[in-house]
C-alpha cells in the first residue's frame, strides 16, 4: 500500500510540474485535464504526507522511551500518534479505492 501511495505522490508532483509547462499551459483543454487529474490526487497526497510526518514523529517518540525521565510522556505520545496513524491509514485505504468514473456527472433518472 505504501509503495502505491509513493507512486500517487510522484504522479501528483509530475502533474504539478506539467501544469507549469508552457505547452500544457497554452492548451486550455490539456491544462484542464491535467488540473482535473491533479485535483483528484490532492486529498490522497495530503493525507499521505500527514501520515509520513506522524510516522517520523512516532519514531522520535519511541526513541524517548529509553530515557527514564521521559518514558511516561513518551508512552502517552506514542499511544496518541499510533491512534492518529490508524485513523489516517483507514482514510488512505478508502482514498485508494477506484473512483466512480461517473461521479460528478449529471444523470437522467427515469422512473
PDB file of N, CA and C in Angstrom:
ATOM      1  N   UNK A   1       0.827  -1.187   0.000  1.00  0.00           N
ATOM      2  CA  UNK A   1       0.000   0.000   0.000  1.00  0.00           C
ATOM      3  C   UNK A   1       0.878   1.260   0.000  1.00  0.00           C
ATOM      4  N   UNK A   2       1.962   1.229   0.788  1.00  0.00           N
ATOM      5  CA  UNK A   2       2.792   2.420   0.897  1.00  0.00           C
ATOM      6  C   UNK A   2       3.526   2.724  -0.408  1.00  0.00           C
ATOM      7  N   UNK A   3       3.930   1.684  -1.124  1.00  0.00           N
ATOM      8  CA  UNK A   3       4.591   1.933  -2.418  1.00  0.00           C
ATOM      9  C   UNK A   3       3.600   2.544  -3.404  1.00  0.00           C
ATOM     10  N   UNK A   4       2.351   2.110  -3.339  1.00  0.00           N
ATOM     11  CA  UNK A   4       1.320   2.683  -4.202  1.00  0.00           C
ATOM     12  C   UNK A   4       1.095   4.157  -3.860  1.00  0.00           C
ATOM     13  N   UNK A   5       1.137   4.484  -2.590  1.00  0.00           N
ATOM     14  CA  UNK A   5       0.969   5.880  -2.175  1.00  0.00           C
ATOM     15  C   UNK A   5       2.156   6.736  -2.616  1.00  0.00           C
ATOM     16  N   UNK A   6       3.353   6.153  -2.591  1.00  0.00           N
ATOM     17  CA  UNK A   6       4.522   6.874  -3.101  1.00  0.00           C
ATOM     18  C   UNK A   6       4.374   7.157  -4.596  1.00  0.00           C
ATOM     19  N   UNK A   7       3.810   6.198  -5.328  1.00  0.00           N
ATOM     20  CA  UNK A   7       3.569   6.392  -6.756  1.00  0.00           C
ATOM     21  C   UNK A   7       2.544   7.500  -6.994  1.00  0.00           C
ATOM     22  N   UNK A   8       1.497   7.513  -6.185  1.00  0.00           N
ATOM     23  CA  UNK A   8       0.473   8.557  -6.301  1.00  0.00           C
ATOM     24  C   UNK A   8       1.095   9.920  -6.027  1.00  0.00           C
ATOM     25  N   UNK A   9       1.952   9.988  -5.011  1.00  0.00           N
ATOM     26  CA  UNK A   9       2.610  11.253  -4.693  1.00  0.00           C
ATOM     27  C   UNK A   9       3.532  11.686  -5.833  1.00  0.00           C
ATOM     28  N   UNK A  10       4.233  10.728  -6.437  1.00  0.00           N
ATOM     29  CA  UNK A  10       5.092  11.047  -7.576  1.00  0.00           C
ATOM     30  C   UNK A  10       4.289  11.550  -8.754  1.00  0.00           C
ATOM     31  N   UNK A  11       3.155  10.920  -9.006  1.00  0.00           N
ATOM     32  CA  UNK A  11       2.279  11.354 -10.104  1.00  0.00           C
ATOM     33  C   UNK A  11       1.754  12.764  -9.840  1.00  0.00           C
ATOM     34  N   UNK A  12       1.403  13.044  -8.597  1.00  0.00           N
ATOM     35  CA  UNK A  12       0.921  14.373  -8.223  1.00  0.00           C
ATOM     36  C   UNK A  12       1.997  15.421  -8.501  1.00  0.00           C
ATOM     37  N   UNK A  13       3.228  15.128  -8.110  1.00  0.00           N
ATOM     38  CA  UNK A  13       4.333  16.061  -8.348  1.00  0.00           C
ATOM     39  C   UNK A  13       4.577  16.253  -9.841  1.00  0.00           C
ATOM     40  N   UNK A  14       4.477  15.161 -10.598  1.00  0.00           N
ATOM     41  CA  UNK A  14       4.648  15.242 -12.053  1.00  0.00           C
ATOM     42  C   UNK A  14       3.575  16.137 -12.673  1.00  0.00           C
ATOM     43  N   UNK A  15       2.338  15.954 -12.260  1.00  0.00           N
ATOM     44  CA  UNK A  15       1.239  16.764 -12.788  1.00  0.00           C
ATOM     45  C   UNK A  15       1.403  18.230 -12.407  1.00  0.00           C
ATOM     46  N   UNK A  16       1.876  18.465 -11.194  1.00  0.00           N
ATOM     47  CA  UNK A  16       2.089  19.842 -10.751  1.00  0.00           C
ATOM     48  C   UNK A  16       3.134  20.522 -11.624  1.00  0.00           C
ATOM     49  N   UNK A  17       4.209  19.808 -11.942  1.00  0.00           N
ATOM     50  CA  UNK A  17       5.243  20.408 -12.791  1.00  0.00           C
ATOM     51  C   UNK A  17       4.751  20.573 -14.232  1.00  0.00           C
ATOM     52  N   UNK A  18       3.911  19.648 -14.698  1.00  0.00           N
ATOM     53  CA  UNK A  18       3.378  19.753 -16.063  1.00  0.00           C
ATOM     54  C   UNK A  18       2.446  20.946 -16.216  1.00  0.00           C
ATOM     55  N   UNK A  19       1.792  21.336 -15.135  1.00  0.00           N
ATOM     56  CA  UNK A  19       0.894  22.488 -15.215  1.00  0.00           C
ATOM     57  C   UNK A  19       1.680  23.770 -15.497  1.00  0.00           C
ATOM     58  N   UNK A  20       2.955  23.795 -15.107  1.00  0.00           N
ATOM     59  CA  UNK A  20       3.791  24.951 -15.377  1.00  0.00           C
ATOM     60  C   UNK A  20       4.472  24.900 -16.731  1.00  0.00           C
ATOM     61  N   UNK A  21       4.341  23.784 -17.436  1.00  0.00           N
ATOM     62  CA  UNK A  21       4.937  23.624 -18.759  1.00  0.00           C
ATOM     63  C   UNK A  21       4.208  24.527 -19.756  1.00  0.00           C
ATOM     64  N   UNK A  22       4.923  25.333 -20.534  1.00  0.00           N
ATOM     65  CA  UNK A  22       4.272  26.243 -21.482  1.00  0.00           C
ATOM     66  C   UNK A  22       3.396  25.535 -22.519  1.00  0.00           C
ATOM     67  N   UNK A  23       3.787  24.327 -22.937  1.00  0.00           N
ATOM     68  CA  UNK A  23       2.972  23.592 -23.913  1.00  0.00           C
ATOM     69  C   UNK A  23       1.607  23.230 -23.333  1.00  0.00           C
ATOM     70  N   UNK A  24       1.583  22.824 -22.084  1.00  0.00           N
ATOM     71  CA  UNK A  24       0.322  22.457 -21.432  1.00  0.00           C
ATOM     72  C   UNK A  24      -0.470  23.713 -21.097  1.00  0.00           C
ATOM     73  N   UNK A  25       0.213  24.723 -20.583  1.00  0.00           N
ATOM     74  CA  UNK A  25      -0.475  25.950 -20.172  1.00  0.00           C
ATOM     75  C   UNK A  25      -1.101  26.685 -21.353  1.00  0.00           C
ATOM     76  N   UNK A  26      -0.536  26.528 -22.541  1.00  0.00           N
ATOM     77  CA  UNK A  26      -1.081  27.224 -23.709  1.00  0.00           C
ATOM     78  C   UNK A  26      -2.261  26.492 -24.331  1.00  0.00           C
ATOM     79  N   UNK A  27      -2.490  25.246 -23.940  1.00  0.00           N
ATOM     80  CA  UNK A  27      -3.597  24.460 -24.466  1.00  0.00           C
ATOM     81  C   UNK A  27      -4.652  24.320 -23.353  1.00  0.00           C
ATOM     82  N   UNK A  28      -5.741  25.090 -23.412  1.00  0.00           N
ATOM     83  CA  UNK A  28      -6.734  25.077 -22.318  1.00  0.00           C
ATOM     84  C   UNK A  28      -7.336  23.698 -22.042  1.00  0.00           C
ATOM     85  N   UNK A  29      -7.572  22.935 -23.083  1.00  0.00           N
ATOM     86  CA  UNK A  29      -8.175  21.609 -22.881  1.00  0.00           C
ATOM     87  C   UNK A  29      -7.199  20.690 -22.147  1.00  0.00           C
ATOM     88  N   UNK A  30      -5.955  20.676 -22.578  1.00  0.00           N
ATOM     89  CA  UNK A  30      -4.934  19.830 -21.946  1.00  0.00           C
ATOM     90  C   UNK A  30      -4.671  20.288 -20.503  1.00  0.00           C
ATOM     91  N   UNK A  31      -4.623  21.598 -20.306  1.00  0.00           N
ATOM     92  CA  UNK A  31      -4.408  22.138 -18.965  1.00  0.00           C
ATOM     93  C   UNK A  31      -5.547  21.711 -18.031  1.00  0.00           C
ATOM     94  N   UNK A  32      -6.764  21.758 -18.522  1.00  0.00           N
ATOM     95  CA  UNK A  32      -7.920  21.360 -17.708  1.00  0.00           C
ATOM     96  C   UNK A  32      -7.843  19.880 -17.339  1.00  0.00           C
ATOM     97  N   UNK A  33      -7.405  19.034 -18.273  1.00  0.00           N
ATOM     98  CA  UNK A  33      -7.268  17.603 -17.990  1.00  0.00           C
ATOM     99  C   UNK A  33      -6.229  17.360 -16.900  1.00  0.00           C
ATOM    100  N   UNK A  34      -5.082  18.029 -17.043  1.00  0.00           N
ATOM    101  CA  UNK A  34      -4.002  17.864 -16.059  1.00  0.00           C
ATOM    102  C   UNK A  34      -4.448  18.393 -14.700  1.00  0.00           C
ATOM    103  N   UNK A  35      -5.094  19.541 -14.681  1.00  0.00           N
ATOM    104  CA  UNK A  35      -5.561  20.134 -13.429  1.00  0.00           C
ATOM    105  C   UNK A  35      -6.617  19.253 -12.761  1.00  0.00           C
ATOM    106  N   UNK A  36      -7.486  18.661 -13.555  1.00  0.00           N
ATOM    107  CA  UNK A  36      -8.527  17.788 -13.008  1.00  0.00           C
ATOM    108  C   UNK A  36      -7.902  16.535 -12.372  1.00  0.00           C
ATOM    109  N   UNK A  37      -6.922  15.950 -13.070  1.00  0.00           N
ATOM    110  CA  UNK A  37      -6.270  14.763 -12.530  1.00  0.00           C
ATOM    111  C   UNK A  37      -5.497  15.108 -11.252  1.00  0.00           C
ATOM    112  N   UNK A  38      -4.825  16.250 -11.263  1.00  0.00           N
ATOM    113  CA  UNK A  38      -4.072  16.671 -10.094  1.00  0.00           C
ATOM    114  C   UNK A  38      -5.011  16.913  -8.909  1.00  0.00           C
ATOM    115  N   UNK A  39      -6.135  17.539  -9.161  1.00  0.00           N
ATOM    116  CA  UNK A  39      -7.109  17.811  -8.096  1.00  0.00           C
ATOM    117  C   UNK A  39      -7.648  16.516  -7.504  1.00  0.00           C
ATOM    118  N   UNK A  40      -7.789  15.488  -8.339  1.00  0.00           N
ATOM    119  CA  UNK A  40      -8.266  14.202  -7.854  1.00  0.00           C
ATOM    120  C   UNK A  40      -7.285  13.505  -6.923  1.00  0.00           C
ATOM    121  N   UNK A  41      -6.009  13.842  -7.045  1.00  0.00           N
ATOM    122  CA  UNK A  41      -4.984  13.226  -6.207  1.00  0.00           C
ATOM    123  C   UNK A  41      -4.630  14.060  -4.979  1.00  0.00           C
ATOM    124  N   UNK A  42      -5.071  15.303  -4.956  1.00  0.00           N
ATOM    125  CA  UNK A  42      -4.653  16.247  -3.916  1.00  0.00           C
ATOM    126  C   UNK A  42      -4.956  15.749  -2.500  1.00  0.00           C
ATOM    127  N   UNK A  43      -6.161  15.272  -2.247  1.00  0.00           N
ATOM    128  CA  UNK A  43      -6.529  14.844  -0.892  1.00  0.00           C
ATOM    129  C   UNK A  43      -5.715  13.621  -0.467  1.00  0.00           C
ATOM    130  N   UNK A  44      -5.544  12.672  -1.378  1.00  0.00           N
ATOM    131  CA  UNK A  44      -4.768  11.472  -1.068  1.00  0.00           C
ATOM    132  C   UNK A  44      -3.337  11.843  -0.702  1.00  0.00           C
ATOM    133  N   UNK A  45      -2.743  12.741  -1.476  1.00  0.00           N
ATOM    134  CA  UNK A  45      -1.365  13.153  -1.230  1.00  0.00           C
ATOM    135  C   UNK A  45      -1.264  13.906   0.097  1.00  0.00           C
ATOM    136  N   UNK A  46      -2.225  14.745   0.405  1.00  0.00           N
ATOM    137  CA  UNK A  46      -2.196  15.493   1.665  1.00  0.00           C
ATOM    138  C   UNK A  46      -2.261  14.545   2.862  1.00  0.00           C
ATOM    139  N   UNK A  47      -3.137  13.562   2.800  1.00  0.00           N
ATOM    140  CA  UNK A  47      -3.261  12.606   3.899  1.00  0.00           C
ATOM    141  C   UNK A  47      -1.997  11.747   3.990  1.00  0.00           C
ATOM    142  N   UNK A  48      -1.447  11.345   2.855  1.00  0.00           N
ATOM    143  CA  UNK A  48      -0.226  10.545   2.838  1.00  0.00           C
ATOM    144  C   UNK A  48       0.944  11.312   3.454  1.00  0.00           C
ATOM    145  N   UNK A  49       1.067  12.585   3.124  1.00  0.00           N
ATOM    146  CA  UNK A  49       2.151  13.396   3.691  1.00  0.00           C
ATOM    147  C   UNK A  49       1.971  13.570   5.199  1.00  0.00           C
ATOM    148  N   UNK A  50       0.745  13.736   5.635  1.00  0.00           N
ATOM    149  CA  UNK A  50       0.478  13.837   7.069  1.00  0.00           C
ATOM    150  C   UNK A  50       0.848  12.522   7.761  1.00  0.00           C
ATOM    151  N   UNK A  51       0.500  11.406   7.140  1.00  0.00           N
ATOM    152  CA  UNK A  51       0.814  10.089   7.684  1.00  0.00           C
ATOM    153  C   UNK A  51       2.328   9.911   7.816  1.00  0.00           C
ATOM    154  N   UNK A  52       3.080  10.298   6.786  1.00  0.00           N
ATOM    155  CA  UNK A  52       4.533  10.170   6.834  1.00  0.00           C
ATOM    156  C   UNK A  52       5.126  11.043   7.936  1.00  0.00           C
ATOM    157  N   UNK A  53       4.572  12.235   8.124  1.00  0.00           N
ATOM    158  CA  UNK A  53       5.037  13.105   9.194  1.00  0.00           C
ATOM    159  C   UNK A  53       4.787  12.490  10.565  1.00  0.00           C
ATOM    160  N   UNK A  54       3.613  11.889  10.740  1.00  0.00           N
ATOM    161  CA  UNK A  54       3.301  11.241  12.008  1.00  0.00           C
ATOM    162  C   UNK A  54       4.212  10.036  12.245  1.00  0.00           C
ATOM    163  N   UNK A  55       4.537   9.341  11.169  1.00  0.00           N
ATOM    164  CA  UNK A  55       5.429   8.177  11.292  1.00  0.00           C
ATOM    165  C   UNK A  55       6.806   8.613  11.798  1.00  0.00           C
ATOM    166  N   UNK A  56       7.295   9.743  11.302  1.00  0.00           N
ATOM    167  CA  UNK A  56       8.583  10.268  11.770  1.00  0.00           C
ATOM    168  C   UNK A  56       8.494  10.712  13.233  1.00  0.00           C
ATOM    169  N   UNK A  57       7.384  11.355  13.594  1.00  0.00           N
ATOM    170  CA  UNK A  57       7.190  11.760  14.986  1.00  0.00           C
ATOM    171  C   UNK A  57       7.151  10.541  15.906  1.00  0.00           C
ATOM    172  N   UNK A  58       6.512   9.474  15.434  1.00  0.00           N
ATOM    173  CA  UNK A  58       6.406   8.247  16.221  1.00  0.00           C
ATOM    174  C   UNK A  58       7.783   7.640  16.453  1.00  0.00           C
ATOM    175  N   UNK A  59       8.628   7.650  15.443  1.00  0.00           N
ATOM    176  CA  UNK A  59       9.984   7.129  15.608  1.00  0.00           C
ATOM    177  C   UNK A  59      10.731   7.928  16.681  1.00  0.00           C
ATOM    178  N   UNK A  60      10.589   9.242  16.649  1.00  0.00           N
ATOM    179  CA  UNK A  60      11.222  10.084  17.657  1.00  0.00           C
ATOM    180  C   UNK A  60      10.687   9.824  19.050  1.00  0.00           C
ATOM    181  N   UNK A  61       9.387   9.636  19.160  1.00  0.00           N
ATOM    182  CA  UNK A  61       8.771   9.371  20.463  1.00  0.00           C
ATOM    183  C   UNK A  61       9.222   8.017  21.001  1.00  0.00           C
ATOM    184  N   UNK A  62       9.385   7.048  20.124  1.00  0.00           N
ATOM    185  CA  UNK A  62       9.839   5.724  20.567  1.00  0.00           C
ATOM    186  C   UNK A  62      11.287   5.772  21.068  1.00  0.00           C
ATOM    187  N   UNK A  63      12.070   6.656  20.491  1.00  0.00           N
ATOM    188  CA  UNK A  63      13.447   6.813  20.971  1.00  0.00           C
ATOM    189  C   UNK A  63      13.457   7.381  22.388  1.00  0.00           C
ATOM    190  N   UNK A  64      12.476   8.209  22.713  1.00  0.00           N
ATOM    191  CA  UNK A  64      12.395   8.796  24.052  1.00  0.00           C
ATOM    192  C   UNK A  64      12.000   7.768  25.115  1.00  0.00           C
ATOM    193  N   UNK A  65      11.442   6.628  24.683  1.00  0.00           N
ATOM    194  CA  UNK A  65      11.043   5.602  25.648  1.00  0.00           C
ATOM    195  C   UNK A  65      12.252   5.069  26.426  1.00  0.00           C
ATOM    196  N   UNK A  66      13.441   5.158  25.854  1.00  0.00           N
ATOM    197  CA  UNK A  66      14.648   4.672  26.521  1.00  0.00           C
ATOM    198  C   UNK A  66      15.059   5.576  27.679  1.00  0.00           C
ATOM    199  N   UNK A  67      14.651   6.818  27.660  1.00  0.00           N
ATOM    200  CA  UNK A  67      15.000   7.774  28.718  1.00  0.00           C
ATOM    201  C   UNK A  67      14.012   7.618  29.881  1.00  0.00           C
ATOM    202  N   UNK A  68      14.493   7.232  31.067  1.00  0.00           N
ATOM    203  CA  UNK A  68      13.578   7.000  32.201  1.00  0.00           C
ATOM    204  C   UNK A  68      12.777   8.236  32.608  1.00  0.00           C
ATOM    205  N   UNK A  69      13.355   9.415  32.451  1.00  0.00           N
ATOM    206  CA  UNK A  69      12.657  10.631  32.845  1.00  0.00           C
ATOM    207  C   UNK A  69      11.542  10.999  31.855  1.00  0.00           C
ATOM    208  N   UNK A  70      11.686  10.607  30.618  1.00  0.00           N
ATOM    209  CA  UNK A  70      10.724  10.973  29.575  1.00  0.00           C
ATOM    210  C   UNK A  70       9.772   9.830  29.224  1.00  0.00           C
ATOM    211  N   UNK A  71       9.954   8.670  29.849  1.00  0.00           N
ATOM    212  CA  UNK A  71       9.204   7.472  29.459  1.00  0.00           C
ATOM    213  C   UNK A  71       7.691   7.666  29.532  1.00  0.00           C
ATOM    214  N   UNK A  72       7.194   8.221  30.614  1.00  0.00           N
ATOM    215  CA  UNK A  72       5.741   8.361  30.780  1.00  0.00           C
ATOM    216  C   UNK A  72       5.147   9.281  29.706  1.00  0.00           C
ATOM    217  N   UNK A  73       5.790  10.416  29.496  1.00  0.00           N
ATOM    218  CA  UNK A  73       5.313  11.347  28.477  1.00  0.00           C
ATOM    219  C   UNK A  73       5.420  10.715  27.078  1.00  0.00           C
ATOM    220  N   UNK A  74       6.501   9.984  26.840  1.00  0.00           N
ATOM    221  CA  UNK A  74       6.695   9.353  25.537  1.00  0.00           C
ATOM    222  C   UNK A  74       5.647   8.269  25.294  1.00  0.00           C
ATOM    223  N   UNK A  75       5.280   7.535  26.331  1.00  0.00           N
ATOM    224  CA  UNK A  75       4.257   6.498  26.178  1.00  0.00           C
ATOM    225  C   UNK A  75       2.921   7.110  25.778  1.00  0.00           C
ATOM    226  N   UNK A  76       2.577   8.232  26.393  1.00  0.00           N
ATOM    227  CA  UNK A  76       1.332   8.915  26.037  1.00  0.00           C
ATOM    228  C   UNK A  76       1.379   9.405  24.588  1.00  0.00           C
ATOM    229  N   UNK A  77       2.517   9.963  24.203  1.00  0.00           N
ATOM    230  CA  UNK A  77       2.658  10.466  22.844  1.00  0.00           C
ATOM    231  C   UNK A  77       2.617   9.337  21.826  1.00  0.00           C
ATOM    232  N   UNK A  78       3.276   8.227  22.131  1.00  0.00           N
ATOM    233  CA  UNK A  78       3.262   7.069  21.224  1.00  0.00           C
ATOM    234  C   UNK A  78       1.833   6.568  21.039  1.00  0.00           C
ATOM    235  N   UNK A  79       1.094   6.463  22.129  1.00  0.00           N
ATOM    236  CA  UNK A  79      -0.288   5.979  22.041  1.00  0.00           C
ATOM    237  C   UNK A  79      -1.140   6.922  21.187  1.00  0.00           C
ATOM    238  N   UNK A  80      -0.967   8.218  21.400  1.00  0.00           N
ATOM    239  CA  UNK A  80      -1.744   9.200  20.630  1.00  0.00           C
ATOM    240  C   UNK A  80      -1.382   9.142  19.145  1.00  0.00           C
ATOM    241  N   UNK A  81      -0.093   9.067  18.852  1.00  0.00           N
ATOM    242  CA  UNK A  81       0.352   9.026  17.454  1.00  0.00           C
ATOM    243  C   UNK A  81      -0.109   7.748  16.759  1.00  0.00           C
ATOM    244  N   UNK A  82      -0.040   6.629  17.463  1.00  0.00           N
ATOM    245  CA  UNK A  82      -0.490   5.367  16.869  1.00  0.00           C
ATOM    246  C   UNK A  82      -1.985   5.410  16.558  1.00  0.00           C
ATOM    247  N   UNK A  83      -2.752   6.026  17.444  1.00  0.00           N
ATOM    248  CA  UNK A  83      -4.199   6.151  17.216  1.00  0.00           C
ATOM    249  C   UNK A  83      -4.476   7.018  15.990  1.00  0.00           C
ATOM    250  N   UNK A  84      -3.788   8.159  15.907  1.00  0.00           N
ATOM    251  CA  UNK A  84      -3.981   9.051  14.764  1.00  0.00           C
ATOM    252  C   UNK A  84      -3.547   8.377  13.462  1.00  0.00           C
ATOM    253  N   UNK A  85      -2.443   7.637  13.533  1.00  0.00           N
ATOM    254  CA  UNK A  85      -1.963   6.948  12.329  1.00  0.00           C
ATOM    255  C   UNK A  85      -2.944   5.870  11.882  1.00  0.00           C
ATOM    256  N   UNK A  86      -3.570   5.195  12.836  1.00  0.00           N
ATOM    257  CA  UNK A  86      -4.568   4.180  12.494  1.00  0.00           C
ATOM    258  C   UNK A  86      -5.739   4.787  11.739  1.00  0.00           C
ATOM    259  N   UNK A  87      -6.193   5.949  12.197  1.00  0.00           N
ATOM    260  CA  UNK A  87      -7.286   6.636  11.503  1.00  0.00           C
ATOM    261  C   UNK A  87      -6.884   7.087  10.114  1.00  0.00           C
ATOM    262  N   UNK A  88      -5.664   7.608   9.998  1.00  0.00           N
ATOM    263  CA  UNK A  88      -5.184   8.050   8.684  1.00  0.00           C
ATOM    264  C   UNK A  88      -4.994   6.864   7.738  1.00  0.00           C
ATOM    265  N   UNK A  89      -4.551   5.740   8.290  1.00  0.00           N
ATOM    266  CA  UNK A  89      -4.362   4.559   7.443  1.00  0.00           C
ATOM    267  C   UNK A  89      -5.701   4.085   6.870  1.00  0.00           C
ATOM    268  N   UNK A  90      -6.740   4.108   7.687  1.00  0.00           N
ATOM    269  CA  UNK A  90      -8.067   3.743   7.193  1.00  0.00           C
ATOM    270  C   UNK A  90      -8.533   4.723   6.117  1.00  0.00           C
ATOM    271  N   UNK A  91      -8.275   6.001   6.347  1.00  0.00           N
ATOM    272  CA  UNK A  91      -8.653   7.022   5.370  1.00  0.00           C
ATOM    273  C   UNK A  91      -7.893   6.814   4.063  1.00  0.00           C
ATOM    274  N   UNK A  92      -6.616   6.465   4.151  1.00  0.00           N
ATOM    275  CA  UNK A  92      -5.822   6.222   2.948  1.00  0.00           C
ATOM    276  C   UNK A  92      -6.342   5.013   2.170  1.00  0.00           C
ATOM    277  N   UNK A  93      -6.747   3.977   2.882  1.00  0.00           N
ATOM    278  CA  UNK A  93      -7.303   2.793   2.209  1.00  0.00           C
ATOM    279  C   UNK A  93      -8.547   3.176   1.417  1.00  0.00           C
ATOM    280  N   UNK A  94      -9.366   4.021   2.003  1.00  0.00           N
ATOM    281  CA  UNK A  94     -10.587   4.461   1.320  1.00  0.00           C
ATOM    282  C   UNK A  94     -10.231   5.331   0.115  1.00  0.00           C
ATOM    283  N   UNK A  95      -9.262   6.215   0.292  1.00  0.00           N
ATOM    284  CA  UNK A  95      -8.873   7.104  -0.803  1.00  0.00           C
ATOM    285  C   UNK A  95      -8.239   6.352  -1.967  1.00  0.00           C
ATOM    286  N   UNK A  96      -7.664   5.182  -1.706  1.00  0.00           N
ATOM    287  CA  UNK A  96      -7.033   4.403  -2.774  1.00  0.00           C
ATOM    288  C   UNK A  96      -8.032   3.555  -3.571  1.00  0.00           C
ATOM    289  N   UNK A  97      -9.251   3.473  -3.077  1.00  0.00           N
ATOM    290  CA  UNK A  97     -10.267   2.723  -3.826  1.00  0.00           C
ATOM    291  C   UNK A  97     -10.505   3.398  -5.171  1.00  0.00           C
ATOM    292  N   UNK A  98     -10.797   2.610  -6.204  1.00  0.00           N
ATOM    293  CA  UNK A  98     -11.045   3.214  -7.522  1.00  0.00           C
ATOM    294  C   UNK A  98     -12.230   4.172  -7.478  1.00  0.00           C
ATOM    295  N   UNK A  99     -12.075   5.265  -8.171  1.00  0.00           N
ATOM    296  CA  UNK A  99     -13.128   6.286  -8.226  1.00  0.00           C
ATOM    297  C   UNK A  99     -14.198   5.872  -9.237  1.00  0.00           C
ATOM    298  N   UNK A 100     -15.415   6.310  -8.975  1.00  0.00           N
ATOM    299  CA  UNK A 100     -16.518   6.083  -9.902  1.00  0.00           C
ATOM    300  C   UNK A 100     -16.335   7.018 -11.092  1.00  0.00           C
ATOM    301  N   UNK A 101     -16.229   6.484 -12.311  1.00  0.00           N
ATOM    302  CA  UNK A 101     -15.995   7.357 -13.463  1.00  0.00           C
ATOM    303  C   UNK A 101     -17.156   8.303 -13.750  1.00  0.00           C
ATOM    304  N   UNK A 102     -18.322   8.011 -13.231  1.00  0.00           N
ATOM    305  CA  UNK A 102     -19.491   8.845 -13.490  1.00  0.00           C
ATOM    306  C   UNK A 102     -19.781   9.822 -12.356  1.00  0.00           C
ATOM    307  N   UNK A 103     -18.953   9.797 -11.326  1.00  0.00           N
ATOM    308  CA  UNK A 103     -19.164  10.692 -10.185  1.00  0.00           C
ATOM    309  C   UNK A 103     -19.022  12.147 -10.631  1.00  0.00           C
ATOM    310  N   UNK A 104     -19.968  12.960 -10.239  1.00  0.00           N
ATOM    311  CA  UNK A 104     -19.930  14.372 -10.572  1.00  0.00           C
ATOM    312  C   UNK A 104     -20.568  14.711 -11.902  1.00  0.00           C
ATOM    313  N   UNK A 105     -20.979  13.714 -12.636  1.00  0.00           N
ATOM    314  CA  UNK A 105     -21.635  13.966 -13.928  1.00  0.00           C
ATOM    315  C   UNK A 105     -23.146  13.975 -13.748  1.00  0.00           C
ATOM    316  N   UNK A 106     -23.828  14.751 -14.538  1.00  0.00           N
ATOM    317  CA  UNK A 106     -25.289  14.762 -14.429  1.00  0.00           C
ATOM    318  C   UNK A 106     -25.881  13.442 -14.928  1.00  0.00           C
ATOM    319  N   UNK A 107     -26.996  13.058 -14.341  1.00  0.00           N
ATOM    320  CA  UNK A 107     -27.637  11.820 -14.744  1.00  0.00           C
ATOM    321  C   UNK A 107     -29.097  12.096 -15.084  1.00  0.00           C
ATOM    322  N   UNK A 108     -29.660  11.194 -15.835  1.00  0.00           N
ATOM    323  CA  UNK A 108     -31.078  11.237 -16.142  1.00  0.00           C
ATOM    324  C   UNK A 108     -31.681   9.962 -15.549  1.00  0.00           C
ATOM    325  N   UNK A 109     -32.565  10.149 -14.603  1.00  0.00           N
ATOM    326  CA  UNK A 109     -33.176   9.031 -13.917  1.00  0.00           C
ATOM    327  C   UNK A 109     -34.645   8.971 -14.326  1.00  0.00           C
ATOM    328  N   UNK A 110     -35.002   7.843 -14.908  1.00  0.00           N
ATOM    329  CA  UNK A 110     -36.373   7.672 -15.359  1.00  0.00           C
ATOM    330  C   UNK A 110     -37.059   6.647 -14.477  1.00  0.00           C
ATOM    331  N   UNK A 111     -38.228   7.019 -13.966  1.00  0.00           N
ATOM    332  CA  UNK A 111     -38.966   6.100 -13.087  1.00  0.00           C
ATOM    333  C   UNK A 111     -40.206   5.617 -13.793  1.00  0.00           C
TER     334      UNK A 111
END
